[in-house]
């Protein structure tokens, strides 16, 4: 099998770390991961130069502005990072024959559905972050229809700032905490996501267009927190608070569970549950995730 070359943006982020952890152990890939100081994805000339020199088969774009509440006050930079930059990458990849894999979010929906969201459902984002991601989905499909856009929800990994690591810290410091109980979706363990994407690449499955990636079953943030405390043998208890009473700056969808049947049907991969993901998170706590970068 021909060795595949992969370039990854957003190298310091949790999803990029998950990819690095897997790629450094897999001889079927040569990869290079770029932090934002190594690659300004807003600079078109730099992007063209890097991709011309490294010549990847795949560009995995994990770079994104993800501070949802802060985004309400920083719309310009949010739009540049989440919409403009991906559109430029799509242009270059389309021109050079590079397969772009880009990540989107469940926040492109308004949360008013009475069933799991399909890829074909209309997007109606409630906040600036969601708007920026919804626009990038549309632009990438228009510029480079051969690209893969994967929408995910409630992403977490062993490293980085995320809900699980925050709850683990709070669990040590406090006896109880109020957690929103009326927002429902499915938590996504980044290592499962990276595993399943790399598996589809290795088997030569030609995915293209928009896909939803979600683990089976659903829960509220409060349910998720209590499961984290249970897995970590922490006595802290999550108590319910409504989204309205919590009072976050950006409006979130109340129900954003993604229907991922298209992805798992086309790849033939077995869908695992979000509890499987959390169990794997704790099993992997022993590993060091500061992956070394492997150059060409």
Protein backbone atom coordinates (compact mmCIF):
# COMPACT_ATOMS: atom_id res chain seq x y z
CA UNK A 1 0.00 0.00 0.00
CA UNK A 2 1.22 3.46 -0.90
CA UNK A 3 2.18 5.57 2.11
CA UNK A 4 -0.20 8.51 2.49
CA UNK A 5 1.04 11.99 3.33
CA UNK A 6 -1.07 14.05 5.72
CA UNK A 7 -0.75 17.71 6.74
CA UNK A 8 -2.63 18.87 9.84
CA UNK A 9 -3.46 22.44 10.83
CA UNK A 10 -4.26 23.56 14.37
CA UNK A 11 -1.46 21.44 15.77
CA UNK A 12 -1.88 22.51 19.40
CA UNK A 13 -5.58 21.64 19.51
CA UNK A 14 -7.10 18.53 21.05
CA UNK A 15 -8.25 16.96 17.78
CA UNK A 16 -4.85 17.48 16.16
CA UNK A 17 -3.26 15.86 19.23
CA UNK A 18 -5.53 12.84 18.80
CA UNK A 19 -4.49 12.47 15.17
CA UNK A 20 -0.82 12.82 16.08
CA UNK A 21 -1.08 10.16 18.77
CA UNK A 22 -2.36 7.65 16.20
CA UNK A 23 -0.27 8.73 13.22
CA UNK A 24 3.10 8.53 14.95
CA UNK A 25 2.50 4.79 15.47
CA UNK A 26 1.26 4.04 11.95
CA UNK A 27 3.77 3.30 9.20
CA UNK A 28 1.12 3.76 6.50
CA UNK A 29 1.31 7.52 6.97
CA UNK A 30 3.85 10.33 6.82
CA UNK A 31 2.49 13.41 8.53
CA UNK A 32 3.38 16.89 9.58
CA UNK A 33 1.42 18.89 12.12
CA UNK A 34 1.48 22.68 12.03
CA UNK A 35 0.73 24.96 14.98
CA UNK A 36 -0.62 28.44 14.26
CA UNK A 37 2.82 29.97 14.72
CA UNK A 38 4.13 27.66 11.98
CA UNK A 39 1.26 28.23 9.56
CA UNK A 40 -0.94 31.31 9.41
CA UNK A 41 -3.90 29.81 7.56
CA UNK A 42 -5.19 33.31 6.80
CA UNK A 43 -2.12 33.95 4.65
CA UNK A 44 -2.91 32.52 1.22
CA UNK A 45 0.71 32.62 0.01
CA UNK A 46 1.99 30.78 3.09
CA UNK A 47 -0.69 28.13 2.68
CA UNK A 48 0.22 27.62 -0.97
CA UNK A 49 3.95 27.42 -0.13
CA UNK A 50 3.51 24.87 2.67
CA UNK A 51 1.23 22.62 0.64
CA UNK A 52 3.48 22.85 -2.41
CA UNK A 53 6.56 21.89 -0.37
CA UNK A 54 5.03 19.08 1.70
CA UNK A 55 2.75 17.75 -1.07
CA UNK A 56 0.20 15.98 1.14
CA UNK A 57 -2.46 13.61 -0.13
CA UNK A 58 -4.76 14.87 2.63
CA UNK A 59 -5.07 18.14 4.51
CA UNK A 60 -6.82 17.71 7.84
CA UNK A 61 -7.96 21.15 8.95
CA UNK A 62 -8.53 21.15 12.71
CA UNK A 63 -7.77 24.88 13.11
CA UNK A 64 -10.81 26.80 14.31
CA UNK A 65 -12.03 29.57 16.59
CA UNK A 66 -14.05 27.62 19.18
CA UNK A 67 -14.63 30.05 22.08
CA UNK A 68 -18.39 30.16 21.56
CA UNK A 69 -19.26 32.94 24.04
CA UNK A 70 -16.25 35.08 23.20
CA UNK A 71 -17.15 34.78 19.53
CA UNK A 72 -20.20 36.97 20.12
CA UNK A 73 -17.84 39.94 20.57
CA UNK A 74 -15.20 38.94 18.02
CA UNK A 75 -17.23 38.25 14.91
CA UNK A 76 -14.60 39.55 12.49
CA UNK A 77 -11.79 37.24 13.56
CA UNK A 78 -14.26 34.35 14.00
CA UNK A 79 -15.38 34.81 10.40
CA UNK A 80 -11.80 35.01 9.15
CA UNK A 81 -10.62 31.86 10.92
CA UNK A 82 -13.76 29.73 10.57
CA UNK A 83 -14.99 30.81 7.12
CA UNK A 84 -12.39 32.72 5.09
CA UNK A 85 -9.40 30.51 5.90
CA UNK A 86 -11.19 27.20 5.16
CA UNK A 87 -12.45 28.62 1.86
CA UNK A 88 -8.88 29.51 0.88
CA UNK A 89 -7.64 26.06 1.86
CA UNK A 90 -10.44 24.50 -0.17
CA UNK A 91 -9.37 26.54 -3.22
CA UNK A 92 -5.76 25.42 -2.95
CA UNK A 93 -6.64 21.78 -2.26
CA UNK A 94 -9.05 21.66 -5.19
CA UNK A 95 -6.39 23.12 -7.49
CA UNK A 96 -3.63 20.79 -6.30
CA UNK A 97 -5.68 17.60 -6.00
CA UNK A 98 -5.37 17.42 -2.20
CA UNK A 99 -8.26 15.90 -0.26
CA UNK A 100 -9.44 18.39 2.36
CA UNK A 101 -10.96 17.05 5.59
CA UNK A 102 -12.63 19.87 7.49
CA UNK A 103 -14.54 19.84 10.78
CA UNK A 104 -17.81 21.55 11.55
CA UNK A 105 -20.26 21.51 14.45
CA UNK A 106 -23.72 20.63 15.71
CA UNK A 107 -24.10 24.34 16.49
CA UNK A 108 -25.10 24.96 12.87
CA UNK A 109 -28.61 23.83 13.98
CA UNK A 110 -31.17 25.63 16.14
CA UNK A 111 -31.91 22.68 18.44
CA UNK A 112 -35.65 22.64 17.83
CA UNK A 113 -35.78 19.26 16.10
CA UNK A 114 -37.73 16.36 17.58
CA UNK A 115 -35.30 13.85 16.03
CA UNK A 116 -31.58 13.47 15.33
CA UNK A 117 -30.29 15.94 12.77
CA UNK A 118 -29.51 14.72 9.24
CA UNK A 119 -26.91 16.20 6.91
CA UNK A 120 -29.72 17.39 4.65
CA UNK A 121 -31.54 19.36 7.36
CA UNK A 122 -31.47 23.16 6.93
CA UNK A 123 -28.93 24.97 9.09
CA UNK A 124 -30.24 27.66 11.40
CA UNK A 125 -27.41 28.62 13.77
CA UNK A 126 -28.19 30.57 16.93
CA UNK A 127 -24.80 32.15 17.58
CA UNK A 128 -21.90 33.71 15.68
CA UNK A 129 -19.72 30.61 16.08
CA UNK A 130 -22.44 28.48 14.49
CA UNK A 131 -22.96 31.00 11.70
CA UNK A 132 -19.25 30.99 10.83
CA UNK A 133 -19.16 27.18 10.65
CA UNK A 134 -22.38 26.95 8.66
CA UNK A 135 -21.01 29.41 6.11
CA UNK A 136 -17.75 27.47 5.79
CA UNK A 137 -19.71 24.24 5.16
CA UNK A 138 -21.50 25.89 2.24
CA UNK A 139 -18.40 27.55 0.80
CA UNK A 140 -16.25 24.41 0.91
CA UNK A 141 -18.91 22.30 -0.79
CA UNK A 142 -19.19 24.94 -3.53
CA UNK A 143 -15.43 25.34 -4.08
CA UNK A 144 -14.24 21.77 -3.56
CA UNK A 145 -17.13 19.28 -3.61
CA UNK A 146 -14.67 16.40 -3.29
CA UNK A 147 -13.79 17.59 0.25
CA UNK A 148 -15.01 15.91 3.42
CA UNK A 149 -16.81 18.06 6.01
CA UNK A 150 -17.48 16.32 9.31
CA UNK A 151 -19.83 17.84 11.87
CA UNK A 152 -19.21 16.78 15.46
CA UNK A 153 -20.62 17.63 18.88
CA UNK A 154 -19.19 18.11 22.38
CA UNK A 155 -15.61 17.17 21.47
CA UNK A 156 -13.09 16.25 24.16
CA UNK A 157 -9.67 14.63 24.49
CA UNK A 158 -7.19 13.77 27.23
CA UNK A 159 -5.30 16.99 26.56
CA UNK A 160 -6.65 20.47 26.14
CA UNK A 161 -9.44 22.61 27.51
CA UNK A 162 -12.72 20.74 27.37
CA UNK A 163 -15.70 19.76 29.50
CA UNK A 164 -14.25 16.47 30.77
CA UNK A 165 -10.97 17.95 31.97
CA UNK A 166 -12.83 20.86 33.55
CA UNK A 167 -15.16 18.50 35.44
CA UNK A 168 -12.23 16.39 36.64
CA UNK A 169 -10.60 19.49 38.11
CA UNK A 170 -13.85 20.66 39.71
CA UNK A 171 -14.53 17.17 41.03
CA UNK A 172 -11.40 17.37 43.15
CA UNK A 173 -12.11 20.87 44.44
CA UNK A 174 -15.89 20.89 45.05
CA UNK A 175 -18.62 18.69 46.51
CA UNK A 176 -21.23 19.72 43.95
CA UNK A 177 -21.65 21.88 40.87
CA UNK A 178 -24.58 23.16 38.86
CA UNK A 179 -24.56 21.89 35.28
CA UNK A 180 -27.02 22.58 32.48
CA UNK A 181 -29.56 19.78 32.18
CA UNK A 182 -31.72 20.90 29.24
CA UNK A 183 -29.10 20.79 26.47
CA UNK A 184 -28.91 17.30 24.95
CA UNK A 185 -26.50 15.80 22.41
CA UNK A 186 -23.78 13.12 22.32
CA UNK A 187 -20.20 13.68 23.57
CA UNK A 188 -17.47 12.84 21.05
CA UNK A 189 -14.14 11.38 22.16
CA UNK A 190 -11.57 12.84 19.75
CA UNK A 191 -9.52 9.64 19.62
CA UNK A 192 -12.53 7.67 18.34
CA UNK A 193 -13.15 10.33 15.69
CA UNK A 194 -9.51 10.32 14.54
CA UNK A 195 -9.40 6.50 14.52
CA UNK A 196 -12.47 6.22 12.34
CA UNK A 197 -11.31 8.86 9.86
CA UNK A 198 -7.86 7.29 9.50
CA UNK A 199 -9.45 3.87 9.12
CA UNK A 200 -11.54 5.10 6.18
CA UNK A 201 -8.44 6.65 4.57
CA UNK A 202 -6.42 3.46 4.91
CA UNK A 203 -9.17 1.41 3.31
CA UNK A 204 -9.48 3.84 0.42
CA UNK A 205 -13.09 4.80 1.08
CA UNK A 206 -13.91 7.84 -1.03
CA UNK A 207 -16.02 10.01 1.23
CA UNK A 208 -17.08 13.42 -0.04
CA UNK A 209 -19.49 16.11 1.07
CA UNK A 210 -21.01 16.68 4.51
CA UNK A 211 -21.15 13.95 7.16
CA UNK A 212 -22.32 13.82 10.72
CA UNK A 213 -20.08 12.01 13.19
CA UNK A 214 -21.68 11.13 16.47
CA UNK A 215 -21.44 8.32 18.99
CA UNK A 216 -24.60 6.42 19.85
CA UNK A 217 -27.01 7.40 22.64
CA UNK A 218 -27.46 10.89 24.03
CA UNK A 219 -27.26 12.77 27.30
CA UNK A 220 -27.47 16.21 28.88
CA UNK A 221 -24.42 18.10 30.11
CA UNK A 222 -25.49 17.21 33.66
CA UNK A 223 -25.74 13.50 32.81
CA UNK A 224 -22.32 13.71 31.19
CA UNK A 225 -20.81 15.37 34.25
CA UNK A 226 -22.19 12.76 36.63
CA UNK A 227 -20.87 9.98 34.39
CA UNK A 228 -17.43 11.63 34.49
CA UNK A 229 -17.58 11.76 38.28
CA UNK A 230 -18.64 8.12 38.39
CA UNK A 231 -15.81 6.95 36.12
CA UNK A 232 -13.26 8.94 38.14
CA UNK A 233 -14.63 7.76 41.51
CA UNK A 234 -15.25 11.36 42.50
CA UNK A 235 -17.82 12.24 45.15
CA UNK A 236 -18.76 15.52 43.48
CA UNK A 237 -22.38 15.65 42.28
CA UNK A 238 -23.71 17.60 39.30
CA UNK A 239 -27.02 19.33 40.04
CA UNK A 240 -29.42 20.68 37.40
CA UNK A 241 -29.64 24.23 36.18
CA UNK A 242 -31.52 25.42 33.10
CA UNK A 243 -29.85 27.03 30.12
CA UNK A 244 -31.81 30.21 30.82
CA UNK A 245 -30.71 30.36 34.45
CA UNK A 246 -27.10 29.54 33.56
CA UNK A 247 -27.06 32.63 31.36
CA UNK A 248 -24.26 32.04 28.87
CA UNK A 249 -23.67 34.89 26.43
CA UNK A 250 -24.14 32.82 23.26
CA UNK A 251 -27.39 30.93 22.68
CA UNK A 252 -26.93 27.17 22.38
CA UNK A 253 -29.23 24.65 20.68
CA UNK A 254 -31.18 22.64 23.26
CA UNK A 255 -31.17 19.45 21.19
CA UNK A 256 -28.31 18.83 18.76
CA UNK A 257 -27.86 15.07 18.48
CA UNK A 258 -26.44 14.28 15.04
CA UNK A 259 -27.60 11.29 13.03
CA UNK A 260 -24.37 9.63 11.88
CA UNK A 261 -25.85 6.69 9.95
CA UNK A 262 -24.50 8.04 6.64
CA UNK A 263 -20.89 8.03 7.88
CA UNK A 264 -21.03 4.62 9.49
CA UNK A 265 -22.92 3.04 6.59
CA UNK A 266 -20.50 4.31 3.95
CA UNK A 267 -17.38 3.40 5.96
CA UNK A 268 -18.64 0.11 7.38
CA UNK A 269 -17.27 1.14 10.79
CA UNK A 270 -19.17 0.10 13.90
CA UNK A 271 -20.61 3.03 15.82
CA UNK A 272 -19.57 3.07 19.46
CA UNK A 273 -21.45 4.77 22.30
CA UNK A 274 -20.48 7.97 24.07
CA UNK A 275 -19.98 5.95 27.26
CA UNK A 276 -17.48 3.77 25.37
CA UNK A 277 -15.66 6.98 24.53
CA UNK A 278 -15.54 8.12 28.14
CA UNK A 279 -14.29 4.71 29.25
CA UNK A 280 -11.53 4.87 26.63
CA UNK A 281 -10.63 8.37 27.82
CA UNK A 282 -9.90 7.07 31.32
CA UNK A 283 -8.07 4.01 30.00
CA UNK A 284 -5.81 6.31 27.97
CA UNK A 285 -4.98 8.62 30.87
CA UNK A 286 -1.75 6.68 31.35
CA UNK A 287 -0.39 7.69 27.94
CA UNK A 288 1.72 10.71 27.06
CA UNK A 289 0.01 12.64 24.29
CA UNK A 290 2.74 15.14 23.43
CA UNK A 291 3.35 13.48 20.08
CA UNK A 292 6.52 14.15 18.18
CA UNK A 293 6.13 15.73 14.78
CA UNK A 294 7.23 13.50 11.93
CA UNK A 295 8.59 15.32 8.93
CA UNK A 296 8.88 14.22 5.33
